[in-house]
Amino acid sequence: MGEVTGPRGQEIGAGRDALRAFMRAHHLAPTRWAKEAGVPLGEILGYLTGRTRHISAATVAKLAAIAGVTPDDLFRP
């Protein structure tokens, strides 16, 4: 059988790339950002490295609040 890929995986990859780009643009290091937001560093790193497919909405909301943006802004390309 051939390989099958759906748009869901591509969307997740795009979200990771957008979050990385946001972090670079705002000079955010995962360790410090997680600490300031009071969220587990492992959740952020797991998502960024692809070990997990999702990051919780609560974590996204806390990270966005610390960065002074909306949660959607973290994932804009």
N, C-alpha and C. Protein backbone atom coordinates (compact mmCIF):
# COMPACT_ATOMS: atom_id res chain seq x y z
N MET A 1 0.84 -1.18 0.00
CA MET A 1 0.00 0.00 0.00
C MET A 1 0.89 1.25 0.00
N GLY A 2 0.39 2.31 -0.59
CA GLY A 2 1.12 3.56 -0.65
C GLY A 2 0.96 4.38 0.62
N GLU A 3 1.79 5.36 0.74
CA GLU A 3 1.70 6.25 1.90
C GLU A 3 0.51 7.18 1.75
N VAL A 4 -0.14 7.46 2.85
CA VAL A 4 -1.29 8.35 2.84
C VAL A 4 -1.05 9.43 3.89
N THR A 5 -1.17 10.66 3.47
CA THR A 5 -1.06 11.77 4.43
C THR A 5 -2.27 12.65 4.27
N GLY A 6 -2.79 13.07 5.38
CA GLY A 6 -3.95 13.94 5.37
C GLY A 6 -3.58 15.34 5.78
N PRO A 7 -4.44 16.27 5.57
CA PRO A 7 -4.13 17.65 5.90
C PRO A 7 -3.94 17.88 7.39
N ARG A 8 -4.45 17.00 8.23
CA ARG A 8 -4.32 17.20 9.68
C ARG A 8 -2.85 17.27 10.09
N GLY A 9 -2.06 16.36 9.61
CA GLY A 9 -0.63 16.37 9.93
C GLY A 9 0.07 17.61 9.43
N GLN A 10 -0.33 18.04 8.26
CA GLN A 10 0.25 19.25 7.70
C GLN A 10 -0.12 20.47 8.53
N GLU A 11 -1.35 20.49 9.02
CA GLU A 11 -1.79 21.61 9.86
C GLU A 11 -0.99 21.65 11.15
N ILE A 12 -0.74 20.49 11.74
CA ILE A 12 0.03 20.43 12.98
C ILE A 12 1.44 20.94 12.73
N GLY A 13 2.05 20.49 11.64
CA GLY A 13 3.39 20.95 11.30
C GLY A 13 3.43 22.44 11.07
N ALA A 14 2.41 22.97 10.42
CA ALA A 14 2.35 24.41 10.18
C ALA A 14 2.21 25.16 11.49
N GLY A 15 1.45 24.60 12.43
CA GLY A 15 1.31 25.22 13.75
C GLY A 15 2.63 25.28 14.49
N ARG A 16 3.38 24.19 14.42
CA ARG A 16 4.71 24.17 15.05
C ARG A 16 5.61 25.22 14.44
N ASP A 17 5.62 25.28 13.13
CA ASP A 17 6.47 26.26 12.44
C ASP A 17 6.07 27.69 12.81
N ALA A 18 4.76 27.94 12.88
CA ALA A 18 4.28 29.27 13.22
C ALA A 18 4.66 29.63 14.65
N LEU A 19 4.54 28.67 15.56
CA LEU A 19 4.91 28.94 16.96
C LEU A 19 6.41 29.22 17.08
N ARG A 20 7.22 28.45 16.37
CA ARG A 20 8.67 28.70 16.37
C ARG A 20 8.98 30.10 15.83
N ALA A 21 8.31 30.47 14.73
CA ALA A 21 8.54 31.79 14.14
C ALA A 21 8.12 32.89 15.10
N PHE A 22 7.00 32.69 15.80
CA PHE A 22 6.54 33.67 16.79
C PHE A 22 7.58 33.81 17.89
N MET A 23 8.08 32.70 18.36
CA MET A 23 9.08 32.73 19.44
C MET A 23 10.34 33.47 18.99
N ARG A 24 10.79 33.21 17.78
CA ARG A 24 11.98 33.91 17.26
C ARG A 24 11.72 35.41 17.15
N ALA A 25 10.57 35.76 16.59
CA ALA A 25 10.25 37.17 16.36
C ALA A 25 10.13 37.95 17.67
N HIS A 26 9.70 37.27 18.73
CA HIS A 26 9.51 37.94 20.02
C HIS A 26 10.62 37.61 21.03
N HIS A 27 11.67 36.97 20.55
CA HIS A 27 12.83 36.63 21.37
C HIS A 27 12.42 35.86 22.64
N LEU A 28 11.59 34.83 22.46
CA LEU A 28 11.10 34.03 23.57
C LEU A 28 11.84 32.70 23.62
N ALA A 29 12.49 32.45 24.74
CA ALA A 29 13.13 31.15 24.97
C ALA A 29 12.12 30.25 25.67
N PRO A 30 12.00 28.99 25.27
CA PRO A 30 10.99 28.12 25.86
C PRO A 30 11.08 28.00 27.38
N THR A 31 12.28 27.89 27.91
CA THR A 31 12.43 27.71 29.36
C THR A 31 11.90 28.91 30.13
N ARG A 32 12.31 30.08 29.74
CA ARG A 32 11.88 31.29 30.45
C ARG A 32 10.39 31.55 30.25
N TRP A 33 9.92 31.36 29.01
CA TRP A 33 8.51 31.60 28.70
C TRP A 33 7.61 30.66 29.50
N ALA A 34 7.98 29.40 29.58
CA ALA A 34 7.20 28.42 30.35
C ALA A 34 7.17 28.80 31.83
N LYS A 35 8.33 29.20 32.34
CA LYS A 35 8.41 29.56 33.76
C LYS A 35 7.53 30.77 34.06
N GLU A 36 7.62 31.80 33.21
CA GLU A 36 6.82 33.01 33.42
C GLU A 36 5.33 32.72 33.32
N ALA A 37 4.95 31.79 32.44
CA ALA A 37 3.53 31.47 32.25
C ALA A 37 3.03 30.44 33.25
N GLY A 38 3.95 29.79 33.95
CA GLY A 38 3.55 28.77 34.91
C GLY A 38 3.03 27.51 34.26
N VAL A 39 3.63 27.15 33.13
CA VAL A 39 3.23 25.93 32.41
C VAL A 39 4.40 24.97 32.34
N PRO A 40 4.13 23.68 32.15
CA PRO A 40 5.22 22.71 32.07
C PRO A 40 6.08 22.92 30.82
N LEU A 41 7.37 23.02 31.03
CA LEU A 41 8.30 23.16 29.91
C LEU A 41 8.18 21.98 28.96
N GLY A 42 7.98 20.80 29.52
CA GLY A 42 7.88 19.59 28.70
C GLY A 42 6.75 19.64 27.70
N GLU A 43 5.67 20.32 28.05
CA GLU A 43 4.55 20.42 27.11
C GLU A 43 4.94 21.26 25.89
N ILE A 44 5.64 22.35 26.13
CA ILE A 44 6.09 23.21 25.03
C ILE A 44 7.12 22.47 24.17
N LEU A 45 8.12 21.92 24.82
CA LEU A 45 9.18 21.24 24.08
C LEU A 45 8.66 20.00 23.35
N GLY A 46 7.75 19.28 23.99
CA GLY A 46 7.15 18.11 23.34
C GLY A 46 6.44 18.48 22.06
N TYR A 47 5.73 19.59 22.09
CA TYR A 47 5.02 20.06 20.90
C TYR A 47 6.01 20.54 19.83
N LEU A 48 6.97 21.33 20.24
CA LEU A 48 7.93 21.88 19.27
C LEU A 48 8.77 20.81 18.60
N THR A 49 9.09 19.75 19.33
CA THR A 49 9.93 18.69 18.77
C THR A 49 9.13 17.61 18.06
N GLY A 50 7.81 17.66 18.17
CA GLY A 50 6.98 16.66 17.50
C GLY A 50 6.71 15.42 18.33
N ARG A 51 7.14 15.41 19.57
CA ARG A 51 6.87 14.25 20.43
C ARG A 51 5.40 14.17 20.79
N THR A 52 4.73 15.32 20.83
CA THR A 52 3.29 15.35 21.06
C THR A 52 2.65 16.12 19.91
N ARG A 53 1.40 15.80 19.62
CA ARG A 53 0.72 16.42 18.49
C ARG A 53 -0.04 17.68 18.89
N HIS A 54 -0.28 17.84 20.17
CA HIS A 54 -1.10 18.96 20.62
C HIS A 54 -0.47 19.66 21.80
N ILE A 55 -0.88 20.88 21.99
CA ILE A 55 -0.54 21.64 23.17
C ILE A 55 -1.88 22.11 23.73
N SER A 56 -2.08 21.99 25.01
CA SER A 56 -3.40 22.26 25.58
C SER A 56 -3.82 23.72 25.41
N ALA A 57 -5.13 23.91 25.33
CA ALA A 57 -5.67 25.26 25.18
C ALA A 57 -5.33 26.13 26.39
N ALA A 58 -5.30 25.52 27.56
CA ALA A 58 -4.95 26.28 28.77
C ALA A 58 -3.51 26.77 28.71
N THR A 59 -2.61 25.92 28.24
CA THR A 59 -1.21 26.32 28.10
C THR A 59 -1.07 27.42 27.07
N VAL A 60 -1.73 27.27 25.94
CA VAL A 60 -1.67 28.29 24.88
C VAL A 60 -2.17 29.62 25.41
N ALA A 61 -3.27 29.60 26.17
CA ALA A 61 -3.82 30.83 26.72
C ALA A 61 -2.84 31.51 27.67
N LYS A 62 -2.18 30.73 28.51
CA LYS A 62 -1.21 31.31 29.45
C LYS A 62 0.01 31.87 28.73
N LEU A 63 0.49 31.15 27.72
CA LEU A 63 1.64 31.63 26.95
C LEU A 63 1.29 32.92 26.21
N ALA A 64 0.10 32.97 25.63
CA ALA A 64 -0.34 34.16 24.91
C ALA A 64 -0.46 35.35 25.86
N ALA A 65 -0.99 35.11 27.04
CA ALA A 65 -1.15 36.21 28.01
C ALA A 65 0.20 36.80 28.38
N ILE A 66 1.19 35.96 28.60
CA ILE A 66 2.54 36.45 28.95
C ILE A 66 3.14 37.24 27.78
N ALA A 67 2.86 36.78 26.55
CA ALA A 67 3.41 37.47 25.37
C ALA A 67 2.59 38.71 25.00
N GLY A 68 1.42 38.88 25.61
CA GLY A 68 0.59 40.05 25.33
C GLY A 68 -0.15 39.98 24.01
N VAL A 69 -0.50 38.76 23.59
CA VAL A 69 -1.21 38.56 22.33
C VAL A 69 -2.39 37.62 22.55
N THR A 70 -3.17 37.40 21.51
CA THR A 70 -4.25 36.43 21.61
C THR A 70 -3.69 35.04 21.34
N PRO A 71 -4.37 34.00 21.81
CA PRO A 71 -3.88 32.64 21.52
C PRO A 71 -3.72 32.37 20.02
N ASP A 72 -4.62 32.90 19.20
CA ASP A 72 -4.51 32.68 17.75
C ASP A 72 -3.24 33.29 17.17
N ASP A 73 -2.78 34.38 17.76
CA ASP A 73 -1.56 35.04 17.26
C ASP A 73 -0.34 34.14 17.34
N LEU A 74 -0.33 33.21 18.27
CA LEU A 74 0.84 32.32 18.42
C LEU A 74 1.00 31.41 17.22
N PHE A 75 -0.08 31.16 16.49
CA PHE A 75 -0.05 30.18 15.41
C PHE A 75 -0.30 30.78 14.03
N ARG A 76 -0.21 32.09 13.92
CA ARG A 76 -0.37 32.72 12.60
C ARG A 76 0.92 32.55 11.81
N PRO A 77 0.78 32.15 10.54
CA PRO A 77 2.00 31.98 9.73
C PRO A 77 2.68 33.30 9.40
